[in-house]
Protein backbone atom coordinates (compact mmCIF):
# COMPACT_ATOMS: atom_id res chain seq x y z
CA UNK A 1 0.00 0.00 0.00
CA UNK A 2 2.81 2.39 0.87
CA UNK A 3 4.48 1.70 -2.47
CA UNK A 4 1.23 2.53 -4.25
CA UNK A 5 0.89 5.86 -2.43
CA UNK A 6 4.54 6.78 -3.02
CA UNK A 7 4.30 5.82 -6.69
CA UNK A 8 1.11 7.86 -7.09
CA UNK A 9 2.65 10.92 -5.41
CA UNK A 10 5.74 10.60 -7.59
CA UNK A 11 3.60 10.43 -10.75
CA UNK A 12 1.55 13.48 -9.74
CA UNK A 13 4.66 15.47 -8.81
CA UNK A 14 6.33 14.53 -12.09
CA UNK A 15 3.25 15.60 -14.05
CA UNK A 16 3.31 19.03 -12.36
CA UNK A 17 7.04 19.41 -12.98
CA UNK A 18 6.70 18.57 -16.67
CA UNK A 19 3.70 20.90 -17.06
CA UNK A 20 5.64 23.75 -15.38
CA UNK A 21 8.17 23.55 -18.22
CA UNK A 22 5.51 24.25 -20.86
CA UNK A 23 5.33 27.81 -22.23
CA UNK A 24 2.72 30.07 -20.63
CA UNK A 25 1.08 30.77 -23.97
CA UNK A 26 0.35 28.13 -26.56
CA UNK A 27 2.05 28.99 -29.87
CA UNK A 28 -0.26 29.72 -32.76
CA UNK A 29 -2.89 31.50 -30.67
CA UNK A 30 -1.56 35.01 -31.39
CA UNK A 31 -3.96 37.47 -32.97
CA UNK A 32 -2.78 37.97 -36.58
CA UNK A 33 -4.78 41.22 -36.75
CA UNK A 34 -3.31 42.73 -33.58
CA UNK A 35 -2.12 46.33 -33.71
CA UNK A 36 1.60 46.80 -34.20
CA UNK A 37 3.76 49.84 -33.57
CA UNK A 38 6.63 50.92 -35.80
CA UNK A 39 8.61 54.06 -34.93
CA UNK A 40 10.43 56.06 -37.60
CA UNK A 41 13.32 56.24 -35.11
CA UNK A 42 13.72 55.11 -31.51
CA UNK A 43 16.70 57.32 -30.56
CA UNK A 44 17.11 61.05 -31.09
CA UNK A 45 20.41 62.87 -30.58
CA UNK A 46 19.92 66.57 -29.82
CA UNK A 47 23.65 67.18 -30.14
CA UNK A 48 24.69 70.22 -28.14
CA UNK A 49 21.87 72.16 -26.48
CA UNK A 50 21.98 75.26 -24.24
CA UNK A 51 21.48 74.94 -20.51
CA UNK A 52 18.20 76.14 -18.94
CA UNK A 53 16.23 75.82 -22.19
CA UNK A 54 13.95 72.74 -22.40
CA UNK A 55 14.43 70.60 -25.52
CA UNK A 56 11.61 68.56 -27.09
CA UNK A 57 11.47 65.89 -29.74
CA UNK A 58 8.41 64.18 -31.21
CA UNK A 59 8.83 60.52 -32.13
CA UNK A 60 6.44 59.43 -34.89
CA UNK A 61 5.06 55.91 -35.18
CA UNK A 62 2.73 54.04 -37.51
CA UNK A 63 0.18 51.35 -36.70
CA UNK A 64 1.25 48.55 -39.04
CA UNK A 65 -1.34 46.10 -37.64
CA UNK A 66 -4.97 45.56 -38.62
CA UNK A 67 -6.65 46.69 -35.38
CA UNK A 68 -6.60 50.12 -33.65
CA UNK A 69 -3.46 50.87 -31.66
CA UNK A 70 -3.85 52.38 -28.20
CA UNK A 71 -0.89 53.87 -26.35
CA UNK A 72 -1.82 53.37 -22.70
CA UNK A 73 1.16 55.13 -21.11
CA UNK A 74 4.52 56.75 -21.70
CA UNK A 75 6.78 57.01 -18.67
CA UNK A 76 10.12 58.75 -18.30
CA UNK A 77 12.95 57.23 -16.33
CA UNK A 78 13.52 60.46 -14.37
CA UNK A 79 11.82 63.71 -13.40
CA UNK A 80 13.85 65.75 -15.89
CA UNK A 81 11.96 64.28 -18.86
CA UNK A 82 8.25 64.78 -19.48
CA UNK A 83 6.41 62.57 -22.01
CA UNK A 84 3.17 63.23 -23.89
CA UNK A 85 1.51 61.00 -26.52
CA UNK A 86 -1.41 60.42 -28.87
CA UNK A 87 -4.33 59.65 -26.57
CA UNK A 88 -6.83 58.60 -29.26
CA UNK A 89 -6.75 55.13 -30.87
CA UNK A 90 -4.57 55.03 -33.98
CA UNK A 91 -6.31 53.29 -36.87
CA UNK A 92 -4.41 50.77 -39.02
CA UNK A 93 -2.07 52.57 -41.41
CA UNK A 94 -2.34 55.85 -39.47
CA UNK A 95 0.37 57.69 -37.53
CA UNK A 96 0.66 58.75 -33.91
CA UNK A 97 3.31 60.43 -31.79
CA UNK A 98 5.19 60.40 -28.50
CA UNK A 99 6.79 63.68 -27.43
CA UNK A 100 9.69 63.80 -24.95
CA UNK A 101 10.62 67.14 -23.35
CA UNK A 102 13.93 67.28 -21.52
CA UNK A 103 14.61 69.94 -18.89
CA UNK A 104 18.19 70.93 -19.68
CA UNK A 105 18.88 72.22 -16.16
CA UNK A 106 22.28 70.64 -15.53
CA UNK A 107 25.28 70.91 -17.82
CA UNK A 108 26.81 67.71 -19.20
CA UNK A 109 25.92 64.71 -21.36
CA UNK A 110 22.55 62.99 -20.97
CA UNK A 111 20.84 59.82 -22.22
CA UNK A 112 17.22 59.46 -21.09
CA UNK A 113 14.60 56.80 -21.80
CA UNK A 114 10.85 57.02 -22.27
CA UNK A 115 9.02 53.70 -22.03
CA UNK A 116 5.91 53.45 -24.22
CA UNK A 117 3.19 50.90 -23.36
CA UNK A 118 0.49 49.90 -25.86
CA UNK A 119 -1.73 47.08 -27.06
CA UNK A 120 0.68 46.35 -29.94
CA UNK A 121 2.42 43.02 -30.59
CA UNK A 122 5.55 44.72 -29.24
CA UNK A 123 3.73 46.12 -26.22
CA UNK A 124 6.72 47.87 -24.64
CA UNK A 125 9.10 50.13 -26.56
CA UNK A 126 11.78 52.32 -24.99
CA UNK A 127 12.66 55.53 -26.83
CA UNK A 128 15.85 57.44 -26.08
CA UNK A 129 16.86 61.09 -26.21
CA UNK A 130 20.47 62.05 -25.75
CA UNK A 131 22.81 64.97 -26.16
CA UNK A 132 25.09 67.34 -24.30
CA UNK A 133 23.88 70.34 -22.30
CA UNK A 134 26.32 73.24 -22.58
CA UNK A 135 26.59 75.81 -19.82
CA UNK A 136 26.49 79.42 -21.02
CA UNK A 137 29.84 81.05 -21.64
CA UNK A 138 30.81 83.37 -18.80
CA UNK A 139 30.53 87.00 -19.86
CA UNK A 140 32.91 89.55 -18.40
CA UNK A 141 30.96 92.09 -16.41
CA UNK A 142 31.43 95.68 -17.55
CA UNK A 143 33.47 97.83 -15.21
CA UNK A 144 31.52 100.91 -14.20
CA UNK A 145 33.09 104.37 -13.93
CA UNK A 146 36.20 103.18 -15.69
CA UNK A 147 38.39 105.90 -17.13
CA UNK A 148 41.21 105.37 -19.56
CA UNK A 149 44.71 105.52 -18.15
CA UNK A 150 46.13 109.02 -18.17
CA UNK A 151 42.70 110.62 -17.84
CA UNK A 152 42.20 109.82 -14.19
CA UNK A 153 40.53 112.61 -12.28
CA UNK A 154 42.72 114.32 -9.80
CA UNK A 155 41.92 113.73 -6.19
CA UNK A 156 39.96 116.51 -4.58
CA UNK A 157 41.35 118.35 -1.65
């Protein structure tokens, strides 16, 4: 009797272990009409930009699927980048956009990501903006009441 119970438990445990190795989604059940997102470019290089002036770039994408594409969110990796995006469903063959605005507050190179979530086959896409923020050149302050040498007023007595 004990052998029967042990054998049965072993068979059940083995069945669970084998089933755990199976993929979560059965191949061939994908929706062939599902929306799909294709960006014109996924990285934009601003090059050199001035400090304290926000810089924006609008990424354009096309719905290459057969169902409407809905962008559900666009999230920046830090507080210095603000995303905005097409809120309405994008029909098949139509274009939408994701705009990334970077607050160029600190001088130096930057590389920031904006993660776009949608109902597309590729449901998560990360877009990148990069560049180099240049601090303004120091300007020599004018000297007030300066007189050319040799024309100095004489001290008053």
